[in-house]
Amino acid sequence: FALSEIFVVSDVNGALGNQAAALAGYYDLLARDAFGNFRQLLEDVTLSPVMGAYLSHLRNAKGDPARGTSPDENYAREVMQLFTIGLNQLQPDGTYQLGSDGLPIPTYDQATIVETARVFTGWGFHTERPRRDFRARPNFVEPMTLYPAQHDDGSKRIVGGIVLPAGQGGARDLRLTLDALFNHPNTGPFICRQLIQRLVTSNPSPGYVYRVAQVFADNGQGVRGDLGAVVRAILLDYE
């Protein structure tokens, strides 16, 4: 339930209004991943056709300069702003890092959103034989399929200035982008603060966020993103 308030979808969306089984399946996805690894959760949510319909990266085609079209930026923006790193650079305790002007330091800009939107192109409804034009029967149960002809295969500069080389394909572009977001130093404190807010208290202290974020970074066995360990740390913390 806490995850459903972070990785939000809704039947208010026109494409999902009559998809009760699909929405139930999405909730099952969150339940299945709730005590697993955050990196797997992030990928499962990203490739969910329910999320794809809600944040419009389902059937997101590469740009066409001749027609003046560009990829949909919605998921590229939200996966950073809401699901992983947030708007501003954070200290390990979730408080803002400040620049020399005393103001928060943005984690990304519009150029990063534009470049990241190109990563999330070419994914459509599940099919064994992806065609050039996204043609497939709607399937809100299986993870989305890559349609290579619709993926932007050019070089991309994503969060942190990481450059994805051209020609490596949509699946690798996606994997490296999610890896970059998962490993970003903001992700632990940003997500842990939200989980504390939903499980314990609306205004956790920086110390509380720090202790839980340290478990996100390393569960004691060298594993990053262990949500089971994170939840245990949240509920057993002395605060």
C-alpha atoms as a PDB file:
ATOM      1  CA  PHE A   1       0.000   0.000   0.000  1.00  0.00           C
ATOM      2  CA  ALA A   2       2.849   2.383   0.801  1.00  0.00           C
ATOM      3  CA  LEU A   3       4.410   1.639  -2.581  1.00  0.00           C
ATOM      4  CA  SER A   4       1.073   2.270  -4.315  1.00  0.00           C
ATOM      5  CA  GLU A   5       1.170   5.834  -2.932  1.00  0.00           C
ATOM      6  CA  ILE A   6       4.625   6.365  -4.459  1.00  0.00           C
ATOM      7  CA  PHE A   7       4.347   4.482  -7.767  1.00  0.00           C
ATOM      8  CA  VAL A   8       0.874   5.835  -8.440  1.00  0.00           C
ATOM      9  CA  VAL A   9      -1.511   4.664 -11.174  1.00  0.00           C
ATOM     10  CA  SER A  10      -5.233   5.367 -11.351  1.00  0.00           C
ATOM     11  CA  ASP A  11      -8.414   4.248 -13.061  1.00  0.00           C
ATOM     12  CA  VAL A  12      -9.148   7.945 -13.654  1.00  0.00           C
ATOM     13  CA  ASN A  13      -6.888   7.487 -16.676  1.00  0.00           C
ATOM     14  CA  GLY A  14      -9.084   6.812 -19.706  1.00  0.00           C
ATOM     15  CA  ALA A  15      -7.085   3.809 -20.884  1.00  0.00           C
ATOM     16  CA  LEU A  16      -7.403   2.157 -17.463  1.00  0.00           C
ATOM     17  CA  GLY A  17     -10.969   3.072 -16.515  1.00  0.00           C
ATOM     18  CA  ASN A  18     -12.361  -0.334 -17.467  1.00  0.00           C
ATOM     19  CA  GLN A  19      -9.255  -2.391 -16.675  1.00  0.00           C
ATOM     20  CA  ALA A  20     -10.031  -3.691 -13.182  1.00  0.00           C
ATOM     21  CA  ALA A  21      -8.018  -6.879 -13.650  1.00  0.00           C
ATOM     22  CA  ALA A  22      -5.040  -4.887 -14.916  1.00  0.00           C
ATOM     23  CA  LEU A  23      -5.085  -2.574 -11.894  1.00  0.00           C
ATOM     24  CA  ALA A  24      -5.387  -5.537  -9.549  1.00  0.00           C
ATOM     25  CA  GLY A  25      -2.426  -7.118 -11.315  1.00  0.00           C
ATOM     26  CA  TYR A  26      -0.400  -3.937 -10.843  1.00  0.00           C
ATOM     27  CA  TYR A  27      -1.146  -4.015  -7.116  1.00  0.00           C
ATOM     28  CA  ASP A  28      -0.026  -7.665  -7.096  1.00  0.00           C
ATOM     29  CA  LEU A  29       3.236  -6.544  -8.717  1.00  0.00           C
ATOM     30  CA  LEU A  30       3.859  -4.108  -5.852  1.00  0.00           C
ATOM     31  CA  ALA A  31       3.008  -6.777  -3.292  1.00  0.00           C
ATOM     32  CA  ARG A  32       5.333  -9.278  -4.952  1.00  0.00           C
ATOM     33  CA  ASP A  33       8.252  -6.836  -4.983  1.00  0.00           C
ATOM     34  CA  ALA A  34       7.597  -5.146  -1.626  1.00  0.00           C
ATOM     35  CA  PHE A  35      10.341  -7.004   0.261  1.00  0.00           C
ATOM     36  CA  GLY A  36      12.627  -7.658  -2.702  1.00  0.00           C
ATOM     37  CA  ASN A  37      15.148  -5.325  -4.307  1.00  0.00           C
ATOM     38  CA  PHE A  38      14.258  -1.779  -5.263  1.00  0.00           C
ATOM     39  CA  ARG A  39      16.078  -2.144  -8.592  1.00  0.00           C
ATOM     40  CA  GLN A  40      13.783  -5.009  -9.592  1.00  0.00           C
ATOM     41  CA  LEU A  41      10.742  -3.071  -8.423  1.00  0.00           C
ATOM     42  CA  LEU A  42      11.807  -0.068 -10.514  1.00  0.00           C
ATOM     43  CA  GLU A  43      12.171  -2.207 -13.635  1.00  0.00           C
ATOM     44  CA  ASP A  44       8.890  -4.062 -13.085  1.00  0.00           C
ATOM     45  CA  VAL A  45       7.023  -0.779 -12.619  1.00  0.00           C
ATOM     46  CA  THR A  46       8.706   0.745 -15.681  1.00  0.00           C
ATOM     47  CA  LEU A  47       7.742  -2.159 -17.927  1.00  0.00           C
ATOM     48  CA  SER A  48       4.230  -2.522 -16.537  1.00  0.00           C
ATOM     49  CA  PRO A  49       1.702  -1.703 -19.291  1.00  0.00           C
ATOM     50  CA  VAL A  50      -0.508  -0.231 -16.565  1.00  0.00           C
ATOM     51  CA  MET A  51       2.181   2.297 -15.677  1.00  0.00           C
ATOM     52  CA  GLY A  52       2.923   2.635 -19.385  1.00  0.00           C
ATOM     53  CA  ALA A  53      -0.670   3.676 -20.039  1.00  0.00           C
ATOM     54  CA  TYR A  54      -0.825   5.963 -17.003  1.00  0.00           C
ATOM     55  CA  LEU A  55       2.408   7.863 -17.673  1.00  0.00           C
ATOM     56  CA  SER A  56       2.213   7.490 -21.466  1.00  0.00           C
ATOM     57  CA  HIS A  57       5.425   5.629 -22.330  1.00  0.00           C
ATOM     58  CA  LEU A  58       3.371   2.736 -23.706  1.00  0.00           C
ATOM     59  CA  ARG A  59       3.730   2.977 -27.497  1.00  0.00           C
ATOM     60  CA  ASN A  60       6.092   5.926 -27.120  1.00  0.00           C
ATOM     61  CA  ALA A  61       7.654   6.287 -30.574  1.00  0.00           C
ATOM     62  CA  LYS A  62      11.034   7.766 -31.423  1.00  0.00           C
ATOM     63  CA  GLY A  63      11.052  11.294 -32.784  1.00  0.00           C
ATOM     64  CA  ASP A  64      10.539  11.959 -36.468  1.00  0.00           C
ATOM     65  CA  PRO A  65      12.241  15.201 -37.603  1.00  0.00           C
ATOM     66  CA  ALA A  66      10.407  15.129 -40.927  1.00  0.00           C
ATOM     67  CA  ARG A  67       7.045  15.175 -39.136  1.00  0.00           C
ATOM     68  CA  GLY A  68       8.220  17.409 -36.308  1.00  0.00           C
ATOM     69  CA  THR A  69       7.464  14.832 -33.604  1.00  0.00           C
ATOM     70  CA  SER A  70       9.438  14.037 -30.455  1.00  0.00           C
ATOM     71  CA  PRO A  71       9.156  11.330 -27.772  1.00  0.00           C
ATOM     72  CA  ASP A  72       6.686  11.711 -24.906  1.00  0.00           C
ATOM     73  CA  GLU A  73       8.553  13.116 -21.858  1.00  0.00           C
ATOM     74  CA  ASN A  74       6.070  12.151 -19.161  1.00  0.00           C
ATOM     75  CA  TYR A  75       7.663   8.997 -17.752  1.00  0.00           C
ATOM     76  CA  ALA A  76      11.195  10.333 -18.161  1.00  0.00           C
ATOM     77  CA  ARG A  77      10.247  13.224 -15.882  1.00  0.00           C
ATOM     78  CA  GLU A  78       8.271  11.257 -13.320  1.00  0.00           C
ATOM     79  CA  VAL A  79      10.706   8.345 -12.927  1.00  0.00           C
ATOM     80  CA  MET A  80      13.258  10.908 -11.764  1.00  0.00           C
ATOM     81  CA  GLN A  81      11.066  13.380  -9.893  1.00  0.00           C
ATOM     82  CA  LEU A  82       8.760  10.931  -8.092  1.00  0.00           C
ATOM     83  CA  PHE A  83      10.252   7.426  -8.202  1.00  0.00           C
ATOM     84  CA  THR A  84      13.994   7.770  -7.596  1.00  0.00           C
ATOM     85  CA  ILE A  85      16.053  10.953  -7.153  1.00  0.00           C
ATOM     86  CA  GLY A  86      13.684  13.884  -6.661  1.00  0.00           C
ATOM     87  CA  LEU A  87      14.160  17.446  -7.825  1.00  0.00           C
ATOM     88  CA  ASN A  88      17.179  18.493  -5.764  1.00  0.00           C
ATOM     89  CA  GLN A  89      20.497  17.043  -4.621  1.00  0.00           C
ATOM     90  CA  LEU A  90      20.234  15.552  -1.132  1.00  0.00           C
ATOM     91  CA  GLN A  91      22.546  14.949   1.773  1.00  0.00           C
ATOM     92  CA  PRO A  92      22.623  11.342   3.078  1.00  0.00           C
ATOM     93  CA  ASP A  93      20.055  12.378   5.704  1.00  0.00           C
ATOM     94  CA  GLY A  94      17.584  13.670   3.106  1.00  0.00           C
ATOM     95  CA  THR A  95      18.219  17.379   3.690  1.00  0.00           C
ATOM     96  CA  TYR A  96      19.101  19.587   0.712  1.00  0.00           C
ATOM     97  CA  GLN A  97      22.592  20.152  -0.531  1.00  0.00           C
ATOM     98  CA  LEU A  98      22.995  23.891  -1.124  1.00  0.00           C
ATOM     99  CA  GLY A  99      25.034  25.691  -3.749  1.00  0.00           C
ATOM    100  CA  SER A 100      27.266  28.698  -3.214  1.00  0.00           C
ATOM    101  CA  ASP A 101      24.156  30.874  -3.632  1.00  0.00           C
ATOM    102  CA  GLY A 102      22.478  29.119  -0.697  1.00  0.00           C
ATOM    103  CA  LEU A 103      19.848  27.509  -2.918  1.00  0.00           C
ATOM    104  CA  PRO A 104      19.116  23.808  -3.543  1.00  0.00           C
ATOM    105  CA  ILE A 105      21.003  22.207  -6.436  1.00  0.00           C
ATOM    106  CA  PRO A 106      18.757  20.619  -9.111  1.00  0.00           C
ATOM    107  CA  THR A 107      19.365  16.945  -9.847  1.00  0.00           C
ATOM    108  CA  TYR A 108      18.482  17.337 -13.546  1.00  0.00           C
ATOM    109  CA  ASP A 109      17.229  19.880 -16.069  1.00  0.00           C
ATOM    110  CA  GLN A 110      14.916  19.947 -19.070  1.00  0.00           C
ATOM    111  CA  ALA A 111      17.721  18.773 -21.358  1.00  0.00           C
ATOM    112  CA  THR A 112      18.086  15.642 -19.193  1.00  0.00           C
ATOM    113  CA  ILE A 113      14.345  14.992 -19.475  1.00  0.00           C
ATOM    114  CA  VAL A 114      14.479  15.318 -23.274  1.00  0.00           C
ATOM    115  CA  GLU A 115      17.416  12.906 -23.504  1.00  0.00           C
ATOM    116  CA  THR A 116      15.884  10.411 -21.053  1.00  0.00           C
ATOM    117  CA  ALA A 117      12.582  10.451 -22.944  1.00  0.00           C
ATOM    118  CA  ARG A 118      14.483   8.956 -25.874  1.00  0.00           C
ATOM    119  CA  VAL A 119      15.409   5.986 -23.638  1.00  0.00           C
ATOM    120  CA  PHE A 120      11.752   5.153 -23.048  1.00  0.00           C
ATOM    121  CA  THR A 121      10.847   4.771 -26.716  1.00  0.00           C
ATOM    122  CA  GLY A 122       9.869   1.569 -28.481  1.00  0.00           C
ATOM    123  CA  TRP A 123       7.961  -0.217 -25.707  1.00  0.00           C
ATOM    124  CA  GLY A 124       4.498  -1.548 -26.517  1.00  0.00           C
ATOM    125  CA  PHE A 125       2.035  -4.259 -25.533  1.00  0.00           C
ATOM    126  CA  HIS A 126       3.485  -7.728 -25.070  1.00  0.00           C
ATOM    127  CA  THR A 127       3.809  -9.792 -28.224  1.00  0.00           C
ATOM    128  CA  GLU A 128       6.089 -12.549 -29.463  1.00  0.00           C
ATOM    129  CA  ARG A 129       6.551 -10.802 -32.822  1.00  0.00           C
ATOM    130  CA  PRO A 130       6.945  -7.036 -32.432  1.00  0.00           C
ATOM    131  CA  ARG A 131       6.078  -5.253 -35.682  1.00  0.00           C
ATOM    132  CA  ARG A 132       7.319  -1.893 -36.863  1.00  0.00           C
ATOM    133  CA  ASP A 133       4.118  -0.045 -35.976  1.00  0.00           C
ATOM    134  CA  PHE A 134       3.318  -1.166 -32.381  1.00  0.00           C
ATOM    135  CA  ARG A 135       0.489  -3.306 -33.716  1.00  0.00           C
ATOM    136  CA  ALA A 136      -0.483  -5.850 -31.045  1.00  0.00           C
ATOM    137  CA  ARG A 137      -3.555  -6.742 -29.055  1.00  0.00           C
ATOM    138  CA  PRO A 138      -3.808  -4.854 -25.727  1.00  0.00           C
ATOM    139  CA  ASN A 139      -2.282  -6.940 -22.954  1.00  0.00           C
ATOM    140  CA  PHE A 140      -2.251  -5.279 -19.543  1.00  0.00           C
ATOM    141  CA  VAL A 141      -0.898  -8.364 -17.751  1.00  0.00           C
ATOM    142  CA  GLU A 142       2.480  -9.162 -19.346  1.00  0.00           C
ATOM    143  CA  PRO A 143       5.435  -6.757 -19.205  1.00  0.00           C
ATOM    144  CA  MET A 144       5.818  -4.524 -22.241  1.00  0.00           C
ATOM    145  CA  THR A 145       7.780  -5.715 -25.282  1.00  0.00           C
ATOM    146  CA  LEU A 146      10.487  -3.736 -27.083  1.00  0.00           C
ATOM    147  CA  TYR A 147       9.651  -2.844 -30.689  1.00  0.00           C
ATOM    148  CA  PRO A 148      13.181  -2.133 -32.007  1.00  0.00           C
ATOM    149  CA  ALA A 149      12.044  -0.144 -35.044  1.00  0.00           C
ATOM    150  CA  GLN A 150      10.354   2.399 -32.752  1.00  0.00           C
ATOM    151  CA  HIS A 151      13.306   2.871 -30.369  1.00  0.00           C
ATOM    152  CA  ASP A 152      15.607   5.879 -30.693  1.00  0.00           C
ATOM    153  CA  ASP A 153      19.012   4.234 -31.036  1.00  0.00           C
ATOM    154  CA  GLY A 154      21.099   7.396 -30.974  1.00  0.00           C
ATOM    155  CA  SER A 155      23.514   8.463 -28.249  1.00  0.00           C
ATOM    156  CA  LYS A 156      21.887   9.928 -25.114  1.00  0.00           C
ATOM    157  CA  ARG A 157      23.159  11.917 -22.119  1.00  0.00           C
ATOM    158  CA  ILE A 158      21.187  11.018 -19.005  1.00  0.00           C
ATOM    159  CA  VAL A 159      21.272  11.918 -15.307  1.00  0.00           C
ATOM    160  CA  GLY A 160      24.710  12.609 -13.887  1.00  0.00           C
ATOM    161  CA  GLY A 161      26.093  13.293 -17.352  1.00  0.00           C
ATOM    162  CA  ILE A 162      26.254   9.565 -18.155  1.00  0.00           C
ATOM    163  CA  VAL A 163      26.400   8.977 -21.908  1.00  0.00           C
ATOM    164  CA  LEU A 164      24.615   5.992 -23.423  1.00  0.00           C
ATOM    165  CA  PRO A 165      26.382   5.051 -26.656  1.00  0.00           C
ATOM    166  CA  ALA A 166      24.475   4.826 -29.902  1.00  0.00           C
ATOM    167  CA  GLY A 167      23.347   1.536 -31.337  1.00  0.00           C
ATOM    168  CA  GLN A 168      23.205  -0.568 -28.185  1.00  0.00           C
ATOM    169  CA  GLY A 169      19.452  -1.197 -28.370  1.00  0.00           C
ATOM    170  CA  GLY A 170      16.446  -0.316 -26.260  1.00  0.00           C
ATOM    171  CA  ALA A 171      16.814  -3.028 -23.629  1.00  0.00           C
ATOM    172  CA  ARG A 172      20.376  -1.984 -22.756  1.00  0.00           C
ATOM    173  CA  ASP A 173      19.463   1.716 -22.834  1.00  0.00           C
ATOM    174  CA  LEU A 174      16.688   0.980 -20.345  1.00  0.00           C
ATOM    175  CA  ARG A 175      18.880  -1.174 -18.098  1.00  0.00           C
ATOM    176  CA  LEU A 176      21.694   1.357 -17.892  1.00  0.00           C
ATOM    177  CA  THR A 177      19.286   4.221 -17.219  1.00  0.00           C
ATOM    178  CA  LEU A 178      17.540   2.374 -14.403  1.00  0.00           C
ATOM    179  CA  ASP A 179      20.936   1.353 -13.017  1.00  0.00           C
ATOM    180  CA  ALA A 180      22.012   5.002 -12.986  1.00  0.00           C
ATOM    181  CA  LEU A 181      18.861   6.074 -11.139  1.00  0.00           C
ATOM    182  CA  PHE A 182      19.070   3.167  -8.700  1.00  0.00           C
ATOM    183  CA  ASN A 183      22.704   3.915  -7.849  1.00  0.00           C
ATOM    184  CA  HIS A 184      22.275   7.692  -7.600  1.00  0.00           C
ATOM    185  CA  PRO A 185      23.094   8.894  -4.045  1.00  0.00           C
ATOM    186  CA  ASN A 186      19.713  10.637  -3.821  1.00  0.00           C
ATOM    187  CA  THR A 187      17.626   7.495  -4.297  1.00  0.00           C
ATOM    188  CA  GLY A 188      18.185   5.987  -0.844  1.00  0.00           C
ATOM    189  CA  PRO A 189      17.252   9.028   1.248  1.00  0.00           C
ATOM    190  CA  PHE A 190      14.516  10.113  -1.173  1.00  0.00           C
ATOM    191  CA  ILE A 191      12.691   6.765  -1.178  1.00  0.00           C
ATOM    192  CA  CYS A 192      13.385   5.954   2.485  1.00  0.00           C
ATOM    193  CA  ARG A 193      11.889   9.253   3.643  1.00  0.00           C
ATOM    194  CA  GLN A 194       8.714   8.508   1.675  1.00  0.00           C
ATOM    195  CA  LEU A 195       8.463   5.002   3.141  1.00  0.00           C
ATOM    196  CA  ILE A 196       8.963   6.306   6.691  1.00  0.00           C
ATOM    197  CA  GLN A 197       6.225   8.870   6.068  1.00  0.00           C
ATOM    198  CA  ARG A 198       3.781   6.180   4.993  1.00  0.00           C
ATOM    199  CA  LEU A 199       4.682   3.577   7.614  1.00  0.00           C
ATOM    200  CA  VAL A 200       5.494   5.607  10.745  1.00  0.00           C
ATOM    201  CA  THR A 201       5.531   9.420  10.805  1.00  0.00           C
ATOM    202  CA  SER A 202       4.877  12.350   8.498  1.00  0.00           C
ATOM    203  CA  ASN A 203       7.930  14.323   9.634  1.00  0.00           C
ATOM    204  CA  PRO A 204      10.883  11.985  10.198  1.00  0.00           C
ATOM    205  CA  SER A 205      14.042  13.537  11.612  1.00  0.00           C
ATOM    206  CA  PRO A 206      17.148  13.743   9.392  1.00  0.00           C
ATOM    207  CA  GLY A 207      18.785  11.187  11.715  1.00  0.00           C
ATOM    208  CA  TYR A 208      15.939   8.713  11.159  1.00  0.00           C
ATOM    209  CA  VAL A 209      16.159   9.150   7.377  1.00  0.00           C
ATOM    210  CA  TYR A 210      19.945   8.778   7.514  1.00  0.00           C
ATOM    211  CA  ARG A 211      19.878   5.509   9.454  1.00  0.00           C
ATOM    212  CA  VAL A 212      17.332   3.923   7.132  1.00  0.00           C
ATOM    213  CA  ALA A 213      19.061   5.241   4.002  1.00  0.00           C
ATOM    214  CA  GLN A 214      22.295   3.618   5.175  1.00  0.00           C
ATOM    215  CA  VAL A 215      20.472   0.270   5.176  1.00  0.00           C
ATOM    216  CA  PHE A 216      19.179   1.006   1.664  1.00  0.00           C
ATOM    217  CA  ALA A 217      22.795   1.577   0.606  1.00  0.00           C
ATOM    218  CA  ASP A 218      23.987  -1.649   2.271  1.00  0.00           C
ATOM    219  CA  ASN A 219      21.849  -4.233   4.045  1.00  0.00           C
ATOM    220  CA  GLY A 220      24.883  -5.460   5.987  1.00  0.00           C
ATOM    221  CA  GLN A 221      25.754  -8.033   3.337  1.00  0.00           C
ATOM    222  CA  GLY A 222      26.867  -5.630   0.623  1.00  0.00           C
ATOM    223  CA  VAL A 223      23.457  -5.497  -1.098  1.00  0.00           C
ATOM    224  CA  ARG A 224      21.953  -2.152  -2.137  1.00  0.00           C
ATOM    225  CA  GLY A 225      18.185  -1.630  -2.338  1.00  0.00           C
ATOM    226  CA  ASP A 226      17.020  -4.504  -0.084  1.00  0.00           C
ATOM    227  CA  LEU A 227      13.474  -3.346   0.701  1.00  0.00           C
ATOM    228  CA  GLY A 228      12.910  -6.034   3.312  1.00  0.00           C
ATOM    229  CA  ALA A 229      15.902  -4.732   5.255  1.00  0.00           C
ATOM    230  CA  VAL A 230      14.706  -1.155   4.746  1.00  0.00           C
ATOM    231  CA  VAL A 231      11.251  -1.870   6.153  1.00  0.00           C
ATOM    232  CA  ARG A 232      12.813  -3.697   9.091  1.00  0.00           C
ATOM    233  CA  ALA A 233      15.077  -0.696   9.751  1.00  0.00           C
ATOM    234  CA  ILE A 234      12.096   1.677   9.587  1.00  0.00           C
ATOM    235  CA  LEU A 235       9.958  -0.302  12.030  1.00  0.00           C
ATOM    236  CA  LEU A 236      12.748  -1.201  14.488  1.00  0.00           C
ATOM    237  CA  ASP A 237      14.366   2.240  14.645  1.00  0.00           C
ATOM    238  CA  TYR A 238      14.410   3.690  18.173  1.00  0.00           C
ATOM    239  CA  GLU A 239      12.465   6.757  16.992  1.00  0.00           C
END
